[in-house]
Protein backbone atom coordinates (compact mmCIF):
# COMPACT_ATOMS: atom_id res chain seq x y z
CA UNK A 1 58.10 20.67 82.27
CA UNK A 2 54.37 21.82 81.51
CA UNK A 3 52.29 19.88 79.19
CA UNK A 4 50.11 21.65 77.10
CA UNK A 5 48.09 18.77 76.00
CA UNK A 6 44.44 18.46 77.14
CA UNK A 7 43.61 15.00 78.81
CA UNK A 8 40.61 13.34 77.15
CA UNK A 9 38.71 11.76 78.98
CA UNK A 10 37.36 7.90 78.54
CA UNK A 11 33.83 6.31 79.10
CA UNK A 12 32.95 3.33 78.60
CA UNK A 13 29.42 2.30 76.93
CA UNK A 14 27.67 -1.07 78.00
CA UNK A 15 26.60 -3.69 75.95
CA UNK A 16 23.38 -3.31 74.09
CA UNK A 17 22.50 -6.53 72.72
CA UNK A 18 18.86 -5.27 71.60
CA UNK A 19 20.15 -2.81 69.00
CA UNK A 20 20.61 -2.83 66.05
CA UNK A 21 24.39 -2.51 64.52
CA UNK A 22 24.69 1.07 64.38
CA UNK A 23 28.03 3.29 62.98
CA UNK A 24 28.64 6.00 65.97
CA UNK A 25 26.31 4.36 69.76
CA UNK A 26 23.86 7.43 70.87
CA UNK A 27 25.90 8.35 74.07
CA UNK A 28 29.31 9.42 72.60
CA UNK A 29 27.41 11.72 70.13
CA UNK A 30 26.16 13.66 73.24
CA UNK A 31 29.27 13.00 74.17
CA UNK A 32 30.98 14.92 71.26
CA UNK A 33 28.03 17.96 71.02
CA UNK A 34 28.65 18.88 74.36
CA UNK A 35 32.28 18.58 74.31
CA UNK A 36 33.37 19.94 71.26
CA UNK A 37 33.09 23.62 70.19
CA UNK A 38 31.57 23.42 66.90
CA UNK A 39 30.02 20.19 66.68
CA UNK A 40 29.29 18.81 62.91
CA UNK A 41 27.78 15.33 62.83
CA UNK A 42 28.67 13.84 59.05
CA UNK A 43 26.56 10.56 59.99
CA UNK A 44 23.41 10.92 61.93
CA UNK A 45 22.91 8.53 65.07
CA UNK A 46 20.13 6.45 62.89
CA UNK A 47 21.71 6.18 59.93
CA UNK A 48 22.35 2.35 59.05
CA UNK A 49 23.85 0.10 56.56
CA UNK A 50 21.38 -2.00 54.70
CA UNK A 51 22.67 -4.40 52.41
CA UNK A 52 22.29 -4.26 48.55
CA UNK A 53 20.08 -4.59 47.21
CA UNK A 54 20.00 -7.84 44.72
CA UNK A 55 18.73 -7.17 40.98
CA UNK A 56 17.57 -10.43 38.81
CA UNK A 57 17.44 -10.01 35.17
CA UNK A 58 15.41 -12.71 33.67
CA UNK A 59 14.60 -13.09 29.70
CA UNK A 60 11.80 -15.09 28.13
CA UNK A 61 11.35 -16.04 24.21
CA UNK A 62 8.11 -18.27 24.81
CA UNK A 63 4.17 -17.52 24.74
CA UNK A 64 3.87 -19.89 28.08
CA UNK A 65 5.02 -18.94 31.37
CA UNK A 66 7.32 -21.89 31.60
CA UNK A 67 10.60 -20.58 30.66
CA UNK A 68 10.41 -21.90 27.17
CA UNK A 69 10.17 -19.33 25.15
CA UNK A 70 9.16 -15.37 25.03
CA UNK A 71 7.24 -12.25 26.98
CA UNK A 72 8.11 -10.49 23.61
CA UNK A 73 4.79 -12.90 21.35
CA UNK A 74 2.28 -10.54 23.44
CA UNK A 75 3.47 -7.06 20.88
CA UNK A 76 2.65 -9.65 17.90
CA UNK A 77 -0.64 -9.19 15.82
CA UNK A 78 -2.85 -11.39 17.35
CA UNK A 79 -5.76 -8.98 15.93
CA UNK A 80 -6.89 -7.44 13.19
CA UNK A 81 -3.14 -8.60 11.19
CA UNK A 82 -3.03 -12.43 12.08
CA UNK A 83 -1.44 -14.87 10.28
CA UNK A 84 -5.42 -16.47 10.25
CA UNK A 85 -7.10 -13.50 8.51
CA UNK A 86 -4.13 -12.85 6.31
CA UNK A 87 -4.95 -15.33 4.78
CA UNK A 88 -8.59 -15.24 4.73
CA UNK A 89 -8.12 -11.43 3.36
CA UNK A 90 -6.14 -13.38 0.46
CA UNK A 91 -8.58 -16.34 -0.51
CA UNK A 92 -11.07 -13.79 -0.33
CA UNK A 93 -9.89 -11.11 -2.05
CA UNK A 94 -8.35 -13.80 -4.80
CA UNK A 95 -12.28 -15.20 -5.00
CA UNK A 96 -13.66 -12.57 -7.82
CA UNK A 97 -11.86 -12.65 -11.12
CA UNK A 98 -9.51 -10.15 -11.18
CA UNK A 99 -8.31 -9.10 -15.11
CA UNK A 100 -10.02 -12.86 -16.16
CA UNK A 101 -12.59 -13.36 -18.94
CA UNK A 102 -16.58 -13.08 -17.13
CA UNK A 103 -17.99 -15.12 -19.52
CA UNK A 104 -22.13 -14.83 -18.16
CA UNK A 105 -23.95 -12.92 -18.07
CA UNK A 106 -23.41 -11.59 -22.38
CA UNK A 107 -23.34 -8.18 -22.67
CA UNK A 108 -23.52 -5.45 -24.70
CA UNK A 109 -18.93 -5.30 -24.51
CA UNK A 110 -18.68 -9.01 -25.44
CA UNK A 111 -20.00 -8.46 -29.09
CA UNK A 112 -18.43 -5.28 -29.40
CA UNK A 113 -15.20 -6.17 -31.28
CA UNK A 114 -11.91 -6.10 -30.15
CA UNK A 115 -10.12 -3.61 -32.26
CA UNK A 116 -12.79 -0.79 -31.20
CA UNK A 117 -12.33 -2.23 -27.42
CA UNK A 118 -8.29 -1.70 -28.05
CA UNK A 119 -8.61 1.68 -29.32
CA UNK A 120 -11.19 2.08 -26.53
CA UNK A 121 -7.79 1.59 -24.22
CA UNK A 122 -5.45 3.80 -26.32
CA UNK A 123 -8.34 7.11 -25.93
CA UNK A 124 -9.01 5.76 -22.09
CA UNK A 125 -5.74 6.59 -21.32
CA UNK A 126 -4.55 9.88 -23.27
CA UNK A 127 -7.67 12.15 -22.52
CA UNK A 128 -7.13 12.06 -19.05
CA UNK A 129 -3.32 13.62 -19.21
CA UNK A 130 -4.98 16.10 -22.20
CA UNK A 131 -8.46 17.29 -21.06
CA UNK A 132 -9.72 19.57 -18.08
CA UNK A 133 -10.66 18.85 -14.62
CA UNK A 134 -14.19 18.49 -15.61
CA UNK A 135 -13.62 15.82 -17.93
CA UNK A 136 -11.55 14.00 -15.90
CA UNK A 137 -13.93 12.87 -13.43
CA UNK A 138 -16.23 12.77 -15.98
CA UNK A 139 -14.64 9.81 -17.40
CA UNK A 140 -13.98 8.23 -14.54
CA UNK A 141 -17.66 8.59 -13.90
CA UNK A 142 -18.15 7.27 -16.69
CA UNK A 143 -15.95 4.29 -16.64
CA UNK A 144 -17.91 3.60 -13.26
CA UNK A 145 -21.71 3.91 -14.72
CA UNK A 146 -20.27 0.52 -17.72
CA UNK A 147 -19.23 -1.27 -14.91
CA UNK A 148 -21.74 -0.76 -12.49
CA UNK A 149 -24.12 -1.64 -15.87
CA UNK A 150 -21.97 -4.54 -17.60
CA UNK A 151 -20.59 -6.67 -14.88
CA UNK A 152 -22.14 -8.90 -11.94
CA UNK A 153 -22.73 -7.49 -8.63
CA UNK A 154 -19.58 -9.63 -6.79
CA UNK A 155 -17.53 -8.10 -9.77
CA UNK A 156 -17.92 -4.81 -9.99
CA UNK A 157 -18.07 -3.37 -6.61
CA UNK A 158 -14.53 -5.59 -5.80
CA UNK A 159 -13.15 -3.71 -8.47
CA UNK A 160 -14.00 -0.45 -8.02
CA UNK A 161 -13.78 -0.60 -4.11
CA UNK A 162 -9.74 -1.79 -5.07
CA UNK A 163 -9.11 1.20 -7.56
CA UNK A 164 -11.92 3.95 -6.01
CA UNK A 165 -9.22 3.11 -2.57
CA UNK A 166 -6.02 3.27 -4.69
CA UNK A 167 -6.94 6.18 -6.80
CA UNK A 168 -8.17 7.69 -3.34
CA UNK A 169 -5.14 7.76 -1.32
CA UNK A 170 -2.91 8.92 -4.85
CA UNK A 171 -5.57 11.93 -4.69
CA UNK A 172 -5.09 12.97 -1.15
CA UNK A 173 -1.56 12.76 -1.11
CA UNK A 174 -0.97 14.80 -4.65
CA UNK A 175 -3.39 17.65 -3.55
CA UNK A 176 -1.55 17.83 0.10
CA UNK A 177 2.06 17.14 -1.25
CA UNK A 178 2.78 18.83 -4.42
CA UNK A 179 2.14 22.64 -3.41
CA UNK A 180 0.43 22.06 -0.20
CA UNK A 181 3.10 23.45 2.02
CA UNK A 182 3.40 28.11 1.66
CA UNK A 183 7.27 29.04 0.35
CA UNK A 184 8.36 31.24 3.22
CA UNK A 185 9.55 33.86 0.14
CA UNK A 186 9.17 37.77 0.53
CA UNK A 187 9.47 40.07 -2.03
CA UNK A 188 12.61 41.82 -3.50
CA UNK A 189 10.67 44.51 -4.77
CA UNK A 190 9.12 47.71 -2.36
CA UNK A 191 5.06 47.88 -2.46
CA UNK A 192 3.58 49.92 -5.26
CA UNK A 193 3.11 53.11 -2.62
CA UNK A 194 7.06 53.41 -2.03
CA UNK A 195 7.41 54.16 -5.33
CA UNK A 196 4.83 56.35 -5.78
CA UNK A 197 2.85 53.70 -8.20
CA UNK A 198 -1.51 53.06 -7.79
CA UNK A 199 -1.79 49.52 -5.47
CA UNK A 200 -3.01 46.90 -8.00
CA UNK A 201 -6.90 46.60 -8.01
CA UNK A 202 -8.32 43.08 -6.34
CA UNK A 203 -9.93 40.61 -8.88
CA UNK A 204 -13.51 40.73 -9.52
CA UNK A 205 -13.87 37.53 -10.95
CA UNK A 206 -13.87 35.66 -7.53
CA UNK A 207 -10.52 34.06 -8.85
CA UNK A 208 -8.25 32.38 -5.62
CA UNK A 209 -5.39 29.99 -5.93
CA UNK A 210 -6.05 28.86 -2.84
CA UNK A 211 -9.16 26.44 -2.80
CA UNK A 212 -8.52 25.24 0.82
CA UNK A 213 -6.67 25.05 4.12
CA UNK A 214 -5.78 22.11 6.61
CA UNK A 215 -3.52 23.65 9.29
CA UNK A 216 -0.29 24.28 7.82
CA UNK A 217 -1.56 22.64 4.88
CA UNK A 218 -2.91 24.06 1.48
CA UNK A 219 -4.95 22.62 -1.31
CA UNK A 220 -4.16 24.78 -4.55
CA UNK A 221 -5.22 24.74 -7.58
CA UNK A 222 -1.80 23.53 -9.17
CA UNK A 223 -2.01 20.56 -6.08
CA UNK A 224 -5.56 19.79 -7.85
CA UNK A 225 -4.20 19.76 -10.80
CA UNK A 226 -1.71 17.29 -10.47
CA UNK A 227 -3.80 14.69 -8.16
CA UNK A 228 -7.11 14.95 -10.21
CA UNK A 229 -4.75 14.29 -13.34
CA UNK A 230 -2.16 10.92 -10.96
CA UNK A 231 -5.28 9.43 -9.91
CA UNK A 232 -7.83 9.32 -12.81
CA UNK A 233 -5.53 8.61 -14.98
CA UNK A 234 -4.86 5.31 -12.14
CA UNK A 235 -8.66 5.43 -11.76
CA UNK A 236 -9.07 4.84 -16.03
CA UNK A 237 -5.93 2.42 -17.25
CA UNK A 238 -6.73 -0.30 -14.33
CA UNK A 239 -10.37 -0.48 -14.75
CA UNK A 240 -10.82 0.35 -18.54
CA UNK A 241 -7.91 -2.64 -18.19
CA UNK A 242 -10.28 -4.97 -15.97
CA UNK A 243 -13.20 -4.08 -17.82
CA UNK A 244 -11.86 -4.66 -21.49
CA UNK A 245 -10.42 -8.13 -19.77
CA UNK A 246 -14.18 -9.08 -18.10
CA UNK A 247 -15.61 -9.02 -21.71
CA UNK A 248 -12.68 -10.42 -23.90
CA UNK A 249 -11.16 -13.19 -24.47
CA UNK A 250 -7.88 -13.72 -24.14
CA UNK A 251 -7.62 -15.21 -28.08
CA UNK A 252 -9.64 -12.08 -29.34
CA UNK A 253 -7.19 -9.94 -27.86
CA UNK A 254 -4.44 -11.07 -29.51
CA UNK A 255 -6.08 -11.09 -32.79
CA UNK A 256 -6.58 -7.00 -32.26
CA UNK A 257 -3.37 -6.76 -31.28
CA UNK A 258 -1.77 -8.55 -34.42
CA UNK A 259 -4.14 -6.62 -36.73
CA UNK A 260 -2.68 -3.43 -35.77
CA UNK A 261 0.66 -5.39 -35.07
CA UNK A 262 0.96 -6.98 -38.58
CA UNK A 263 2.81 -3.34 -40.76
CA UNK A 264 5.39 -4.03 -38.32
CA UNK A 265 6.39 -7.69 -39.49
CA UNK A 266 7.84 -5.84 -42.26
CA UNK A 267 10.49 -3.75 -40.24
CA UNK A 268 11.98 -6.74 -38.54
CA UNK A 269 9.27 -7.00 -35.29
CA UNK A 270 8.71 -10.71 -34.11
CA UNK A 271 4.79 -10.02 -34.10
CA UNK A 272 4.21 -14.04 -34.20
CA UNK A 273 6.56 -14.34 -30.97
CA UNK A 274 4.82 -11.39 -29.26
CA UNK A 275 0.98 -12.09 -29.89
CA UNK A 276 2.24 -16.14 -28.49
CA UNK A 277 3.27 -14.73 -25.37
CA UNK A 278 0.47 -12.67 -25.06
CA UNK A 279 -2.13 -15.60 -25.08
CA UNK A 280 0.11 -17.40 -22.24
CA UNK A 281 0.51 -14.47 -20.38
CA UNK A 282 -2.88 -13.80 -20.37
CA UNK A 283 -3.90 -17.75 -20.13
CA UNK A 284 -1.89 -17.69 -17.58
CA UNK A 285 -2.85 -15.24 -14.95
CA UNK A 286 -5.97 -17.50 -14.10
CA UNK A 287 -3.37 -19.83 -12.31
CA UNK A 288 -1.68 -17.98 -10.69
CA UNK A 289 -5.32 -15.92 -8.73
CA UNK A 290 -6.21 -19.94 -8.16
CA UNK A 291 -3.15 -20.90 -7.01
CA UNK A 292 -3.55 -17.98 -5.05
CA UNK A 293 -6.47 -18.80 -3.58
CA UNK A 294 -6.56 -22.69 -3.01
CA UNK A 295 -2.80 -22.79 -1.04
CA UNK A 296 -4.52 -19.89 1.14
CA UNK A 297 -7.65 -21.90 1.52
CA UNK A 298 -6.13 -25.72 2.60
CA UNK A 299 -4.25 -23.95 4.91
CA UNK A 300 -7.33 -21.75 6.77
CA UNK A 301 -9.32 -25.69 6.14
CA UNK A 302 -6.71 -27.15 8.32
CA UNK A 303 -7.86 -24.55 10.95
CA UNK A 304 -4.48 -24.33 12.51
CA UNK A 305 -3.91 -22.86 16.82
CA UNK A 306 -1.68 -19.73 15.43
CA UNK A 307 -1.28 -19.01 19.26
CA UNK A 308 0.15 -22.00 20.32
CA UNK A 309 2.63 -21.05 17.76
CA UNK A 310 6.11 -19.04 17.99
CA UNK A 311 6.98 -15.91 15.64
CA UNK A 312 9.75 -18.56 13.70
CA UNK A 313 6.96 -21.19 13.27
CA UNK A 314 4.27 -18.58 11.99
CA UNK A 315 7.38 -16.99 9.65
CA UNK A 316 7.94 -20.72 8.26
CA UNK A 317 4.45 -21.69 7.47
CA UNK A 318 4.04 -18.56 5.52
CA UNK A 319 7.62 -19.39 3.53
CA UNK A 320 6.15 -22.76 2.91
CA UNK A 321 3.15 -21.18 0.96
CA UNK A 322 4.65 -18.83 -0.65
CA UNK A 323 7.50 -21.86 -1.59
CA UNK A 324 4.24 -23.98 -2.72
CA UNK A 325 2.65 -21.22 -4.81
CA UNK A 326 6.16 -21.08 -6.78
CA UNK A 327 6.39 -24.73 -7.07
CA UNK A 328 2.83 -25.02 -8.30
CA UNK A 329 3.19 -22.42 -11.37
CA UNK A 330 6.57 -23.95 -11.59
CA UNK A 331 5.13 -27.24 -12.37
CA UNK A 332 2.31 -25.75 -14.88
CA UNK A 333 4.57 -23.56 -16.39
CA UNK A 334 5.82 -27.11 -17.84
CA UNK A 335 2.19 -29.10 -18.49
CA UNK A 336 1.59 -26.15 -20.83
CA UNK A 337 5.25 -26.61 -22.12
CA UNK A 338 4.73 -29.94 -22.47
CA UNK A 339 1.13 -29.95 -24.33
CA UNK A 340 1.86 -27.27 -26.91
CA UNK A 341 5.16 -29.51 -27.49
CA UNK A 342 3.10 -31.99 -28.48
CA UNK A 343 0.43 -29.92 -30.28
CA UNK A 344 3.50 -29.71 -32.46
CA UNK A 345 5.33 -26.76 -31.52
CA UNK A 346 8.91 -26.47 -32.25
CA UNK A 347 10.11 -23.36 -31.22
CA UNK A 348 9.08 -21.66 -34.47
CA UNK A 349 6.26 -19.03 -34.20
CA UNK A 350 6.26 -17.46 -37.45
CA UNK A 351 5.53 -21.67 -38.49
CA UNK A 352 3.08 -22.46 -35.79
CA UNK A 353 -0.46 -21.16 -36.63
CA UNK A 354 -2.75 -20.28 -34.06
CA UNK A 355 -5.88 -20.04 -33.80
CA UNK A 356 -7.84 -16.89 -32.86
CA UNK A 357 -11.61 -18.06 -32.93
CA UNK A 358 -12.45 -14.36 -33.95
CA UNK A 359 -14.64 -13.11 -37.22
CA UNK A 360 -13.39 -9.65 -38.67
CA UNK A 361 -16.69 -8.49 -39.02
CA UNK A 362 -18.23 -4.79 -38.50
CA UNK A 363 -22.29 -4.84 -36.96
CA UNK A 364 -23.20 -2.38 -35.19
CA UNK A 365 -22.13 -2.12 -31.28
CA UNK A 366 -19.55 -1.44 -32.84
CA UNK A 367 -20.91 1.17 -34.66
CA UNK A 368 -22.51 2.89 -31.78
CA UNK A 369 -18.93 1.76 -29.58
CA UNK A 370 -16.61 4.84 -32.56
CA UNK A 371 -20.02 6.80 -32.71
CA UNK A 372 -19.21 6.72 -28.40
CA UNK A 373 -16.00 7.90 -28.48
CA UNK A 374 -15.64 10.11 -31.32
CA UNK A 375 -18.40 11.66 -28.81
CA UNK A 376 -15.91 11.18 -25.89
CA UNK A 377 -12.93 12.94 -27.13
CA UNK A 378 -14.39 15.72 -29.11
CA UNK A 379 -16.10 16.82 -25.30
CA UNK A 380 -12.98 16.24 -24.04
CA UNK A 381 -10.61 18.45 -26.69
CA UNK A 382 -13.31 20.87 -26.00
CA UNK A 383 -13.59 21.38 -22.70
CA UNK A 384 -10.58 23.85 -22.91
CA UNK A 385 -12.65 26.00 -23.95
CA UNK A 386 -15.55 25.50 -22.41
CA UNK A 387 -13.98 25.22 -18.68
CA UNK A 388 -11.52 27.32 -18.38
């Protein structure tokens, strides 16, 4: 019997305690390379098994490194928007009188009749929407000049800064957003040359619908009209109301509004209740700003170390701040209601006499104001004919 199988020689490898543990001994690799016809080693002789790396995940929730709270605290606003600076900004913003009567110094506007001031307010609301672009900016410059002339420096700087910033942002957004992106429209009519018609001559007056181009955005005449209307109307409404309230007492405003609303009494309008509500609202505005400022100053004066507080503790302090504001305001409202009951108010506004402390005599200041109003209204109406 013939044996067709080839015997396989055996090899004994001496132990090597100093070498690293490998999957294939190096002597066996050389033997297989010389014995097999096409050796393709699948494993390298130097390939070793490495132990698996241990991955450790650690989560913290504290500002310190004692494992009590977290590393995410470093992402909290501790610079320009920290809690201490927010409270200081609140106390500083409410320091100047906002929509409050400024008794001194006594200026020309203090002596103008409140009814004339209400007519001016109505005109300044209507004129920016019905006049030319140049007239709108002229009204803004006019109100700015009046504010600088008749109000104290710390008052007009604060008021004009806030209203000007708001109007500027509104002007930029509407100017670039209303007609800022050019439409991708292709004309469906063929050009005049293909139809045998002469080309339309270009304008000789230099008219251009596009005023300015900023990258993909464009500032057009439509955007200028929309932006100027909205921005100038916002500026005139806020600044004229602030100028009127800064130079007029709540009693004078209530008297002027009552004088205009008296004819509505015969058609069932509760004029007395509206006037009483207006007086209480104007008196309550100053209390709101005083409470917001006083509580913010109280927290700042305690010199809290905000860096050592967690996020939840900071939020809790702000919740306490707002809760204290509402609690004090409700307390003031209760005191006002008790004071009205003591003074004889029983719920009937018609039977309760209100002392407005205002006379109805017209003076030279009122005549000058009415003449200025007529001049501004005439200029606004004629601006559409002269500024085209």
